[in-house]
All heavy atoms as atom14 arrays in JSON, in Angstrom:
{
  "sequence": "LVQPGGSLRLSCAASGFIFRNYDMSWYRQPPGKERELVASINTGRTT",
  "atom14_mask": [
    [1, 1, 1, 1, 1, 1, 1, 1, 0, 0, 0, 0, 0, 0],
    [1, 1, 1, 1, 1, 1, 1, 0, 0, 0, 0, 0, 0, 0],
    [1, 1, 1, 1, 1, 1, 1, 1, 1, 0, 0, 0, 0, 0],
    [1, 1, 1, 1, 1, 1, 1, 0, 0, 0, 0, 0, 0, 0],
    [1, 1, 1, 1, 0, 0, 0, 0, 0, 0, 0, 0, 0, 0],
    [1, 1, 1, 1, 0, 0, 0, 0, 0, 0, 0, 0, 0, 0],
    [1, 1, 1, 1, 1, 1, 0, 0, 0, 0, 0, 0, 0, 0],
    [1, 1, 1, 1, 1, 1, 1, 1, 0, 0, 0, 0, 0, 0],
    [1, 1, 1, 1, 1, 1, 1, 1, 1, 1, 1, 0, 0, 0],
    [1, 1, 1, 1, 1, 1, 1, 1, 0, 0, 0, 0, 0, 0],
    [1, 1, 1, 1, 1, 1, 0, 0, 0, 0, 0, 0, 0, 0],
    [1, 1, 1, 1, 1, 1, 0, 0, 0, 0, 0, 0, 0, 0],
    [1, 1, 1, 1, 1, 0, 0, 0, 0, 0, 0, 0, 0, 0],
    [1, 1, 1, 1, 1, 0, 0, 0, 0, 0, 0, 0, 0, 0],
    [1, 1, 1, 1, 1, 1, 0, 0, 0, 0, 0, 0, 0, 0],
    [1, 1, 1, 1, 0, 0, 0, 0, 0, 0, 0, 0, 0, 0],
    [1, 1, 1, 1, 1, 1, 1, 1, 1, 1, 1, 0, 0, 0],
    [1, 1, 1, 1, 1, 1, 1, 1, 0, 0, 0, 0, 0, 0],
    [1, 1, 1, 1, 1, 1, 1, 1, 1, 1, 1, 0, 0, 0],
    [1, 1, 1, 1, 1, 1, 1, 1, 1, 1, 1, 0, 0, 0],
    [1, 1, 1, 1, 1, 1, 1, 1, 0, 0, 0, 0, 0, 0],
    [1, 1, 1, 1, 1, 1, 1, 1, 1, 1, 1, 1, 0, 0],
    [1, 1, 1, 1, 1, 1, 1, 1, 0, 0, 0, 0, 0, 0],
    [1, 1, 1, 1, 1, 1, 1, 1, 0, 0, 0, 0, 0, 0],
    [1, 1, 1, 1, 1, 1, 0, 0, 0, 0, 0, 0, 0, 0],
    [1, 1, 1, 1, 1, 1, 1, 1, 1, 1, 1, 1, 1, 1],
    [1, 1, 1, 1, 1, 1, 1, 1, 1, 1, 1, 1, 0, 0],
    [1, 1, 1, 1, 1, 1, 1, 1, 1, 1, 1, 0, 0, 0],
    [1, 1, 1, 1, 1, 1, 1, 1, 1, 0, 0, 0, 0, 0],
    [1, 1, 1, 1, 1, 1, 1, 0, 0, 0, 0, 0, 0, 0],
    [1, 1, 1, 1, 1, 1, 1, 0, 0, 0, 0, 0, 0, 0],
    [1, 1, 1, 1, 0, 0, 0, 0, 0, 0, 0, 0, 0, 0],
    [1, 1, 1, 1, 1, 1, 1, 1, 1, 0, 0, 0, 0, 0],
    [1, 1, 1, 1, 1, 1, 1, 1, 1, 0, 0, 0, 0, 0],
    [1, 1, 1, 1, 1, 1, 1, 1, 1, 1, 1, 0, 0, 0],
    [1, 1, 1, 1, 1, 1, 1, 1, 1, 0, 0, 0, 0, 0],
    [1, 1, 1, 1, 1, 1, 1, 1, 0, 0, 0, 0, 0, 0],
    [1, 1, 1, 1, 1, 1, 1, 0, 0, 0, 0, 0, 0, 0],
    [1, 1, 1, 1, 1, 0, 0, 0, 0, 0, 0, 0, 0, 0],
    [1, 1, 1, 1, 1, 1, 0, 0, 0, 0, 0, 0, 0, 0],
    [1, 1, 1, 1, 1, 1, 1, 1, 0, 0, 0, 0, 0, 0],
    [1, 1, 1, 1, 1, 1, 1, 1, 0, 0, 0, 0, 0, 0],
    [1, 1, 1, 1, 1, 1, 1, 0, 0, 0, 0, 0, 0, 0],
    [1, 1, 1, 1, 0, 0, 0, 0, 0, 0, 0, 0, 0, 0],
    [1, 1, 1, 1, 1, 1, 1, 1, 1, 1, 1, 0, 0, 0],
    [1, 1, 1, 1, 1, 1, 1, 0, 0, 0, 0, 0, 0, 0],
    [1, 1, 1, 1, 1, 1, 1, 0, 0, 0, 0, 0, 0, 0]
  ],
  "atom14_positions": [
    [[-9.93, -3.68, 13.53], [-10.06, -2.7, 14.6], [-8.9, -2.89, 15.56], [-8.66, -4.0, 16.04], [-11.4, -2.88, 15.31], [-11.62, -2.07, 16.59], [-11.63, -0.57, 16.3], [-12.92, -2.49, 17.27], [0.0, 0.0, 0.0], [0.0, 0.0, 0.0], [0.0, 0.0, 0.0], [0.0, 0.0, 0.0], [0.0, 0.0, 0.0], [0.0, 0.0, 0.0]],
    [[-8.17, -1.81, 15.85], [-7.0, -1.89, 16.71], [-6.94, -0.66, 17.59], [-7.42, 0.41, 17.21], [-5.71, -2.04, 15.87], [-5.47, -0.79, 15.02], [-4.51, -2.34, 16.74], [0.0, 0.0, 0.0], [0.0, 0.0, 0.0], [0.0, 0.0, 0.0], [0.0, 0.0, 0.0], [0.0, 0.0, 0.0], [0.0, 0.0, 0.0], [0.0, 0.0, 0.0]],
    [[-6.36, -0.8, 18.79], [-6.22, 0.32, 19.71], [-5.05, 1.22, 19.32], [-4.1, 0.77, 18.68], [-6.02, -0.2, 21.13], [-7.24, -0.92, 21.7], [-7.05, -1.33, 23.14], [-5.93, -1.55, 23.6], [-8.14, -1.41, 23.87], [0.0, 0.0, 0.0], [0.0, 0.0, 0.0], [0.0, 0.0, 0.0], [0.0, 0.0, 0.0], [0.0, 0.0, 0.0]],
    [[-5.1, 2.5, 19.7], [-3.95, 3.37, 19.46], [-2.67, 2.76, 20.01], [-2.66, 2.21, 21.11], [-4.32, 4.66, 20.18], [-5.82, 4.67, 20.18], [-6.22, 3.22, 20.33], [0.0, 0.0, 0.0], [0.0, 0.0, 0.0], [0.0, 0.0, 0.0], [0.0, 0.0, 0.0], [0.0, 0.0, 0.0], [0.0, 0.0, 0.0], [0.0, 0.0, 0.0]],
    [[-1.6, 2.86, 19.23], [-0.33, 2.26, 19.61], [-0.15, 0.84, 19.11], [0.96, 0.3, 19.19], [0.0, 0.0, 0.0], [0.0, 0.0, 0.0], [0.0, 0.0, 0.0], [0.0, 0.0, 0.0], [0.0, 0.0, 0.0], [0.0, 0.0, 0.0], [0.0, 0.0, 0.0], [0.0, 0.0, 0.0], [0.0, 0.0, 0.0], [0.0, 0.0, 0.0]],
    [[-1.2, 0.25, 18.58], [-1.14, -1.12, 18.09], [-0.54, -1.23, 16.71], [-0.11, -0.24, 16.11], [0.0, 0.0, 0.0], [0.0, 0.0, 0.0], [0.0, 0.0, 0.0], [0.0, 0.0, 0.0], [0.0, 0.0, 0.0], [0.0, 0.0, 0.0], [0.0, 0.0, 0.0], [0.0, 0.0, 0.0], [0.0, 0.0, 0.0], [0.0, 0.0, 0.0]],
    [[-0.51, -2.46, 16.19], [0.1, -2.76, 14.9], [-0.81, -3.61, 14.04], [-1.62, -4.39, 14.55], [1.43, -3.5, 15.08], [2.38, -2.71, 15.77], [0.0, 0.0, 0.0], [0.0, 0.0, 0.0], [0.0, 0.0, 0.0], [0.0, 0.0, 0.0], [0.0, 0.0, 0.0], [0.0, 0.0, 0.0], [0.0, 0.0, 0.0], [0.0, 0.0, 0.0]],
    [[-0.67, -3.46, 12.73], [-1.34, -4.3, 11.75], [-0.41, -4.5, 10.57], [0.43, -3.65, 10.28], [-2.64, -3.66, 11.25], [-3.86, -3.64, 12.15], [-4.96, -2.8, 11.51], [-4.36, -5.05, 12.41], [0.0, 0.0, 0.0], [0.0, 0.0, 0.0], [0.0, 0.0, 0.0], [0.0, 0.0, 0.0], [0.0, 0.0, 0.0], [0.0, 0.0, 0.0]],
    [[-0.59, -5.63, 9.87], [0.14, -5.89, 8.63], [-0.88, -6.11, 7.52], [-1.64, -7.08, 7.55], [1.04, -7.11, 8.76], [1.92, -7.39, 7.53], [2.84, -8.57, 7.79], [3.79, -8.81, 6.72], [3.72, -9.82, 5.86], [2.72, -10.7, 5.93], [4.66, -9.97, 4.94], [0.0, 0.0, 0.0], [0.0, 0.0, 0.0], [0.0, 0.0, 0.0]],
    [[-0.9, -5.21, 6.54], [-1.8, -5.32, 5.41], [-1.12, -6.07, 4.27], [0.09, -5.95, 4.06], [-2.21, -3.93, 4.91], [-2.81, -2.98, 5.95], [-3.26, -1.69, 5.28], [-3.95, -3.63, 6.71], [0.0, 0.0, 0.0], [0.0, 0.0, 0.0], [0.0, 0.0, 0.0], [0.0, 0.0, 0.0], [0.0, 0.0, 0.0], [0.0, 0.0, 0.0]],
    [[-1.91, -6.83, 3.53], [-1.42, -7.57, 2.37], [-2.23, -7.19, 1.14], [-3.41, -6.86, 1.23], [-1.54, -9.08, 2.6], [-0.74, -9.49, 3.69], [0.0, 0.0, 0.0], [0.0, 0.0, 0.0], [0.0, 0.0, 0.0], [0.0, 0.0, 0.0], [0.0, 0.0, 0.0], [0.0, 0.0, 0.0], [0.0, 0.0, 0.0], [0.0, 0.0, 0.0]],
    [[-1.59, -7.25, -0.01], [-2.24, -7.0, -1.29], [-1.79, -8.07, -2.27], [-0.59, -8.18, -2.57], [-1.88, -5.61, -1.82], [-2.41, -5.29, -3.52], [0.0, 0.0, 0.0], [0.0, 0.0, 0.0], [0.0, 0.0, 0.0], [0.0, 0.0, 0.0], [0.0, 0.0, 0.0], [0.0, 0.0, 0.0], [0.0, 0.0, 0.0], [0.0, 0.0, 0.0]],
    [[-2.73, -8.85, -2.77], [-2.46, -9.85, -3.79], [-2.82, -9.28, -5.14], [-3.97, -8.88, -5.36], [-3.26, -11.12, -3.51], [0.0, 0.0, 0.0], [0.0, 0.0, 0.0], [0.0, 0.0, 0.0], [0.0, 0.0, 0.0], [0.0, 0.0, 0.0], [0.0, 0.0, 0.0], [0.0, 0.0, 0.0], [0.0, 0.0, 0.0], [0.0, 0.0, 0.0]],
    [[-1.85, -9.23, -6.06], [-2.05, -8.64, -7.38], [-2.05, -9.72, -8.45], [-1.36, -10.73, -8.34], [-0.95, -7.61, -7.67], [0.0, 0.0, 0.0], [0.0, 0.0, 0.0], [0.0, 0.0, 0.0], [0.0, 0.0, 0.0], [0.0, 0.0, 0.0], [0.0, 0.0, 0.0], [0.0, 0.0, 0.0], [0.0, 0.0, 0.0], [0.0, 0.0, 0.0]],
    [[-2.82, -9.48, -9.51], [-2.87, -10.41, -10.62], [-3.23, -9.67, -11.9], [-3.72, -8.54, -11.86], [-3.88, -11.53, -10.35], [-5.19, -11.01, -10.18], [0.0, 0.0, 0.0], [0.0, 0.0, 0.0], [0.0, 0.0, 0.0], [0.0, 0.0, 0.0], [0.0, 0.0, 0.0], [0.0, 0.0, 0.0], [0.0, 0.0, 0.0], [0.0, 0.0, 0.0]],
    [[-2.98, -10.3, -13.05], [-3.34, -9.73, -14.34], [-2.25, -8.94, -15.02], [-2.5, -8.37, -16.09], [0.0, 0.0, 0.0], [0.0, 0.0, 0.0], [0.0, 0.0, 0.0], [0.0, 0.0, 0.0], [0.0, 0.0, 0.0], [0.0, 0.0, 0.0], [0.0, 0.0, 0.0], [0.0, 0.0, 0.0], [0.0, 0.0, 0.0], [0.0, 0.0, 0.0]],
    [[-1.06, -8.9, -14.45], [0.08, -8.22, -15.06], [1.37, -8.83, -14.51], [1.32, -9.6, -13.54], [0.04, -6.71, -14.81], [0.13, -6.32, -13.36], [1.33, -5.88, -12.82], [-0.98, -6.37, -12.54], [1.42, -5.51, -11.48], [-0.9, -5.99, -11.2], [0.29, -5.57, -10.68], [0.0, 0.0, 0.0], [0.0, 0.0, 0.0], [0.0, 0.0, 0.0]],
    [[2.5, -8.5, -15.14], [3.79, -9.03, -14.68], [4.23, -8.2, -13.49], [4.82, -7.12, -13.62], [4.83, -9.0, -15.81], [4.31, -9.78, -17.01], [6.15, -9.59, -15.32], [5.21, -9.71, -18.23], [0.0, 0.0, 0.0], [0.0, 0.0, 0.0], [0.0, 0.0, 0.0], [0.0, 0.0, 0.0], [0.0, 0.0, 0.0], [0.0, 0.0, 0.0]],
    [[3.94, -8.68, -12.3], [4.08, -7.92, -11.07], [5.49, -7.37, -10.87], [5.66, -6.22, -10.47], [3.68, -8.81, -9.89], [3.78, -8.15, -8.55], [2.76, -7.34, -8.09], [4.9, -8.34, -7.75], [2.84, -6.74, -6.85], [4.99, -7.75, -6.51], [3.96, -6.94, -6.06], [0.0, 0.0, 0.0], [0.0, 0.0, 0.0], [0.0, 0.0, 0.0]],
    [[6.52, -8.17, -11.13], [7.9, -7.78, -10.86], [8.38, -6.6, -11.7], [9.43, -6.02, -11.41], [8.84, -8.96, -11.06], [8.94, -9.43, -12.51], [9.89, -10.63, -12.62], [10.02, -11.07, -14.01], [9.21, -11.93, -14.6], [8.19, -12.45, -13.95], [9.42, -12.27, -15.87], [0.0, 0.0, 0.0], [0.0, 0.0, 0.0], [0.0, 0.0, 0.0]],
    [[7.63, -6.23, -12.76], [8.03, -5.14, -13.64], [7.44, -3.78, -13.26], [7.69, -2.79, -13.95], [7.62, -5.45, -15.08], [8.45, -6.56, -15.7], [9.47, -6.97, -15.15], [8.02, -7.05, -16.85], [0.0, 0.0, 0.0], [0.0, 0.0, 0.0], [0.0, 0.0, 0.0], [0.0, 0.0, 0.0], [0.0, 0.0, 0.0], [0.0, 0.0, 0.0]],
    [[6.67, -3.71, -12.18], [5.97, -2.48, -11.84], [6.19, -2.04, -10.41], [6.14, -2.84, -9.47], [4.46, -2.65, -12.08], [4.12, -2.75, -13.55], [4.12, -3.98, -14.2], [3.83, -1.61, -14.29], [3.85, -4.07, -15.55], [3.55, -1.7, -15.63], [3.55, -2.93, -16.26], [3.27, -3.01, -17.61], [0.0, 0.0, 0.0], [0.0, 0.0, 0.0]],
    [[6.43, -0.72, -10.24], [6.42, -0.12, -8.91], [5.02, -0.2, -8.34], [4.02, -0.17, -9.07], [6.83, 1.36, -8.99], [8.22, 1.57, -9.55], [8.97, 0.59, -9.71], [8.56, 2.74, -9.83], [0.0, 0.0, 0.0], [0.0, 0.0, 0.0], [0.0, 0.0, 0.0], [0.0, 0.0, 0.0], [0.0, 0.0, 0.0], [0.0, 0.0, 0.0]],
    [[4.93, -0.29, -7.02], [3.64, -0.43, -6.36], [3.46, 0.63, -5.27], [4.43, 1.13, -4.7], [3.51, -1.82, -5.73], [3.51, -2.96, -6.73], [2.03, -2.97, -7.78], [0.75, -3.3, -6.56], [0.0, 0.0, 0.0], [0.0, 0.0, 0.0], [0.0, 0.0, 0.0], [0.0, 0.0, 0.0], [0.0, 0.0, 0.0], [0.0, 0.0, 0.0]],
    [[2.21, 0.98, -4.99], [1.89, 2.0, -4.0], [0.73, 1.56, -3.12], [-0.14, 0.79, -3.55], [1.52, 3.32, -4.66], [2.61, 3.88, -5.38], [0.0, 0.0, 0.0], [0.0, 0.0, 0.0], [0.0, 0.0, 0.0], [0.0, 0.0, 0.0], [0.0, 0.0, 0.0], [0.0, 0.0, 0.0], [0.0, 0.0, 0.0], [0.0, 0.0, 0.0]],
    [[0.72, 2.08, -1.91], [-0.44, 2.02, -1.01], [-1.05, 3.4, -0.89], [-0.33, 4.39, -0.72], [-0.05, 1.54, 0.39], [0.19, 0.07, 0.52], [1.38, -0.58, 0.46], [-0.81, -0.93, 0.75], [1.2, -1.93, 0.65], [-0.14, -2.18, 0.82], [-2.2, -0.91, 0.9], [-0.81, -3.38, 1.04], [-2.87, -2.11, 1.12], [-2.18, -3.32, 1.18]],
    [[-2.37, 3.47, -0.99], [-3.15, 4.68, -0.75], [-4.11, 4.43, 0.41], [-4.39, 3.29, 0.77], [-3.96, 5.08, -1.98], [-3.17, 5.72, -3.1], [-2.31, 4.98, -3.9], [-3.3, 7.08, -3.36], [-1.6, 5.57, -4.92], [-2.6, 7.68, -4.39], [-1.75, 6.92, -5.17], [-1.05, 7.52, -6.19], [0.0, 0.0, 0.0], [0.0, 0.0, 0.0]],
    [[-4.66, 5.5, 0.97], [-5.71, 5.37, 1.97], [-6.71, 6.51, 1.83], [-6.39, 7.58, 1.32], [-5.14, 5.34, 3.39], [-4.55, 6.66, 3.87], [-3.92, 6.49, 5.25], [-3.38, 7.74, 5.77], [-2.69, 7.83, 6.89], [-2.44, 6.74, 7.62], [-2.24, 9.02, 7.29], [0.0, 0.0, 0.0], [0.0, 0.0, 0.0], [0.0, 0.0, 0.0]],
    [[-7.93, 6.25, 2.28], [-8.98, 7.25, 2.26], [-9.68, 7.27, 3.61], [-10.49, 6.38, 3.91], [-9.99, 6.98, 1.14], [-11.02, 8.09, 1.0], [-11.81, 7.98, -0.29], [-12.05, 6.88, -0.8], [-12.2, 9.12, -0.84], [0.0, 0.0, 0.0], [0.0, 0.0, 0.0], [0.0, 0.0, 0.0], [0.0, 0.0, 0.0], [0.0, 0.0, 0.0]],
    [[-9.39, 8.27, 4.45], [-10.1, 8.42, 5.72], [-11.56, 8.77, 5.46], [-11.9, 9.31, 4.4], [-9.37, 9.57, 6.41], [-8.05, 9.67, 5.71], [-8.33, 9.27, 4.29], [0.0, 0.0, 0.0], [0.0, 0.0, 0.0], [0.0, 0.0, 0.0], [0.0, 0.0, 0.0], [0.0, 0.0, 0.0], [0.0, 0.0, 0.0], [0.0, 0.0, 0.0]],
    [[-12.44, 8.52, 6.43], [-13.86, 8.85, 6.24], [-14.05, 10.34, 6.0], [-13.52, 11.17, 6.74], [-14.51, 8.39, 7.54], [-13.39, 8.3, 8.53], [-12.19, 7.91, 7.74], [0.0, 0.0, 0.0], [0.0, 0.0, 0.0], [0.0, 0.0, 0.0], [0.0, 0.0, 0.0], [0.0, 0.0, 0.0], [0.0, 0.0, 0.0], [0.0, 0.0, 0.0]],
    [[-14.77, 10.69, 4.94], [-15.06, 12.07, 4.63], [-13.91, 12.87, 4.06], [-14.04, 14.09, 3.89], [0.0, 0.0, 0.0], [0.0, 0.0, 0.0], [0.0, 0.0, 0.0], [0.0, 0.0, 0.0], [0.0, 0.0, 0.0], [0.0, 0.0, 0.0], [0.0, 0.0, 0.0], [0.0, 0.0, 0.0], [0.0, 0.0, 0.0], [0.0, 0.0, 0.0]],
    [[-12.79, 12.22, 3.73], [-11.62, 12.92, 3.22], [-11.19, 12.34, 1.88], [-11.68, 11.31, 1.43], [-10.47, 12.84, 4.22], [-10.78, 13.48, 5.56], [-9.6, 13.41, 6.51], [-8.48, 14.32, 6.06], [-7.36, 14.35, 7.04], [0.0, 0.0, 0.0], [0.0, 0.0, 0.0], [0.0, 0.0, 0.0], [0.0, 0.0, 0.0], [0.0, 0.0, 0.0]],
    [[-10.25, 13.02, 1.23], [-9.75, 12.59, -0.06], [-8.77, 11.44, 0.08], [-8.11, 11.27, 1.11], [-9.06, 13.77, -0.76], [-9.97, 14.95, -1.05], [-9.23, 16.14, -1.63], [-7.98, 16.09, -1.68], [-9.88, 17.1, -2.02], [0.0, 0.0, 0.0], [0.0, 0.0, 0.0], [0.0, 0.0, 0.0], [0.0, 0.0, 0.0], [0.0, 0.0, 0.0]],
    [[-8.67, 10.64, -0.97], [-7.68, 9.56, -1.01], [-6.27, 10.16, -1.08], [-6.04, 11.15, -1.78], [-7.94, 8.67, -2.22], [-7.5, 7.23, -2.03], [-7.77, 6.4, -3.29], [-9.12, 6.56, -3.8], [-10.08, 5.65, -3.76], [-9.85, 4.46, -3.22], [-11.27, 5.9, -4.27], [0.0, 0.0, 0.0], [0.0, 0.0, 0.0], [0.0, 0.0, 0.0]],
    [[-5.32, 9.54, -0.37], [-3.97, 10.06, -0.31], [-2.94, 8.94, -0.44], [-3.17, 7.81, -0.02], [-3.73, 10.83, 1.0], [-3.84, 9.96, 2.24], [-3.68, 10.75, 3.53], [-3.62, 12.0, 3.46], [-3.61, 10.12, 4.61], [0.0, 0.0, 0.0], [0.0, 0.0, 0.0], [0.0, 0.0, 0.0], [0.0, 0.0, 0.0], [0.0, 0.0, 0.0]],
    [[-1.79, 9.29, -1.02], [-0.69, 8.34, -1.15], [-0.02, 8.13, 0.2], [0.32, 9.08, 0.89], [0.32, 8.87, -2.17], [1.6, 8.06, -2.37], [1.28, 6.68, -2.92], [2.56, 8.81, -3.29], [0.0, 0.0, 0.0], [0.0, 0.0, 0.0], [0.0, 0.0, 0.0], [0.0, 0.0, 0.0], [0.0, 0.0, 0.0], [0.0, 0.0, 0.0]],
    [[0.21, 6.87, 0.54], [0.84, 6.5, 1.81], [2.29, 6.09, 1.62], [3.18, 6.55, 2.34], [0.06, 5.37, 2.5], [0.78, 4.9, 3.76], [-1.36, 5.82, 2.83], [0.0, 0.0, 0.0], [0.0, 0.0, 0.0], [0.0, 0.0, 0.0], [0.0, 0.0, 0.0], [0.0, 0.0, 0.0], [0.0, 0.0, 0.0], [0.0, 0.0, 0.0]],
    [[2.56, 5.2, 0.65], [3.9, 4.67, 0.46], [4.03, 4.07, -0.93], [3.04, 3.64, -1.53], [4.23, 3.62, 1.51], [0.0, 0.0, 0.0], [0.0, 0.0, 0.0], [0.0, 0.0, 0.0], [0.0, 0.0, 0.0], [0.0, 0.0, 0.0], [0.0, 0.0, 0.0], [0.0, 0.0, 0.0], [0.0, 0.0, 0.0], [0.0, 0.0, 0.0]],
    [[5.26, 4.03, -1.45], [5.56, 3.4, -2.74], [6.85, 2.62, -2.64], [7.74, 2.96, -1.84], [5.69, 4.44, -3.86], [4.48, 5.12, -4.09], [0.0, 0.0, 0.0], [0.0, 0.0, 0.0], [0.0, 0.0, 0.0], [0.0, 0.0, 0.0], [0.0, 0.0, 0.0], [0.0, 0.0, 0.0], [0.0, 0.0, 0.0], [0.0, 0.0, 0.0]],
    [[6.98, 1.59, -3.47], [8.19, 0.78, -3.53], [8.46, 0.41, -4.98], [7.54, 0.07, -5.72], [8.06, -0.48, -2.63], [9.36, -1.26, -2.61], [6.89, -1.34, -3.08], [9.38, -2.34, -1.53], [0.0, 0.0, 0.0], [0.0, 0.0, 0.0], [0.0, 0.0, 0.0], [0.0, 0.0, 0.0], [0.0, 0.0, 0.0], [0.0, 0.0, 0.0]],
    [[9.72, 0.49, -5.4], [10.05, 0.18, -6.78], [10.2, -1.33, -6.98], [10.08, -2.12, -6.05], [11.3, 0.95, -7.24], [12.6, 0.41, -6.67], [12.61, -0.25, -5.64], [13.69, 0.68, -7.36], [0.0, 0.0, 0.0], [0.0, 0.0, 0.0], [0.0, 0.0, 0.0], [0.0, 0.0, 0.0], [0.0, 0.0, 0.0], [0.0, 0.0, 0.0]],
    [[10.46, -1.71, -8.23], [10.46, -3.13, -8.58], [11.52, -3.93, -7.84], [11.27, -5.08, -7.46], [10.66, -3.3, -10.09], [11.89, -2.68, -10.49], [9.52, -2.66, -10.87], [0.0, 0.0, 0.0], [0.0, 0.0, 0.0], [0.0, 0.0, 0.0], [0.0, 0.0, 0.0], [0.0, 0.0, 0.0], [0.0, 0.0, 0.0], [0.0, 0.0, 0.0]],
    [[12.69, -3.34, -7.64], [13.81, -4.03, -7.01], [13.93, -3.79, -5.52], [14.93, -4.21, -4.92], [0.0, 0.0, 0.0], [0.0, 0.0, 0.0], [0.0, 0.0, 0.0], [0.0, 0.0, 0.0], [0.0, 0.0, 0.0], [0.0, 0.0, 0.0], [0.0, 0.0, 0.0], [0.0, 0.0, 0.0], [0.0, 0.0, 0.0], [0.0, 0.0, 0.0]],
    [[12.96, -3.1, -4.92], [12.92, -2.85, -3.47], [14.07, -1.95, -2.99], [14.42, -1.99, -1.81], [12.93, -4.16, -2.69], [11.79, -5.11, -3.04], [11.86, -6.37, -2.22], [13.06, -7.13, -2.53], [13.71, -7.91, -1.67], [13.26, -8.02, -0.43], [14.78, -8.57, -2.06], [0.0, 0.0, 0.0], [0.0, 0.0, 0.0], [0.0, 0.0, 0.0]],
    [[14.62, -1.15, -3.88], [15.75, -0.28, -3.55], [15.36, 1.18, -3.38], [16.16, 1.96, -2.84], [16.83, -0.37, -4.62], [16.29, -0.02, -5.89], [17.4, -1.78, -4.69], [0.0, 0.0, 0.0], [0.0, 0.0, 0.0], [0.0, 0.0, 0.0], [0.0, 0.0, 0.0], [0.0, 0.0, 0.0], [0.0, 0.0, 0.0], [0.0, 0.0, 0.0]],
    [[14.18, 1.58, -3.84], [13.71, 2.95, -3.71], [12.33, 2.94, -3.07], [11.41, 2.32, -3.61], [13.66, 3.67, -5.06], [14.96, 3.66, -5.65], [13.19, 5.11, -4.89], [0.0, 0.0, 0.0], [0.0, 0.0, 0.0], [0.0, 0.0, 0.0], [0.0, 0.0, 0.0], [0.0, 0.0, 0.0], [0.0, 0.0, 0.0], [0.0, 0.0, 0.0]]
  ]
}
């Protein structure tokens, strides 16, 4: 829980695959709404 204007850092620990070989994404789902794509990053952090 954070006030408007505040900051948070989310973490995701992945397992079960070779992590460095896959692009990754963050999604979010607001209450009562559809899930949506927030951000993506490629394997080498260049895109």
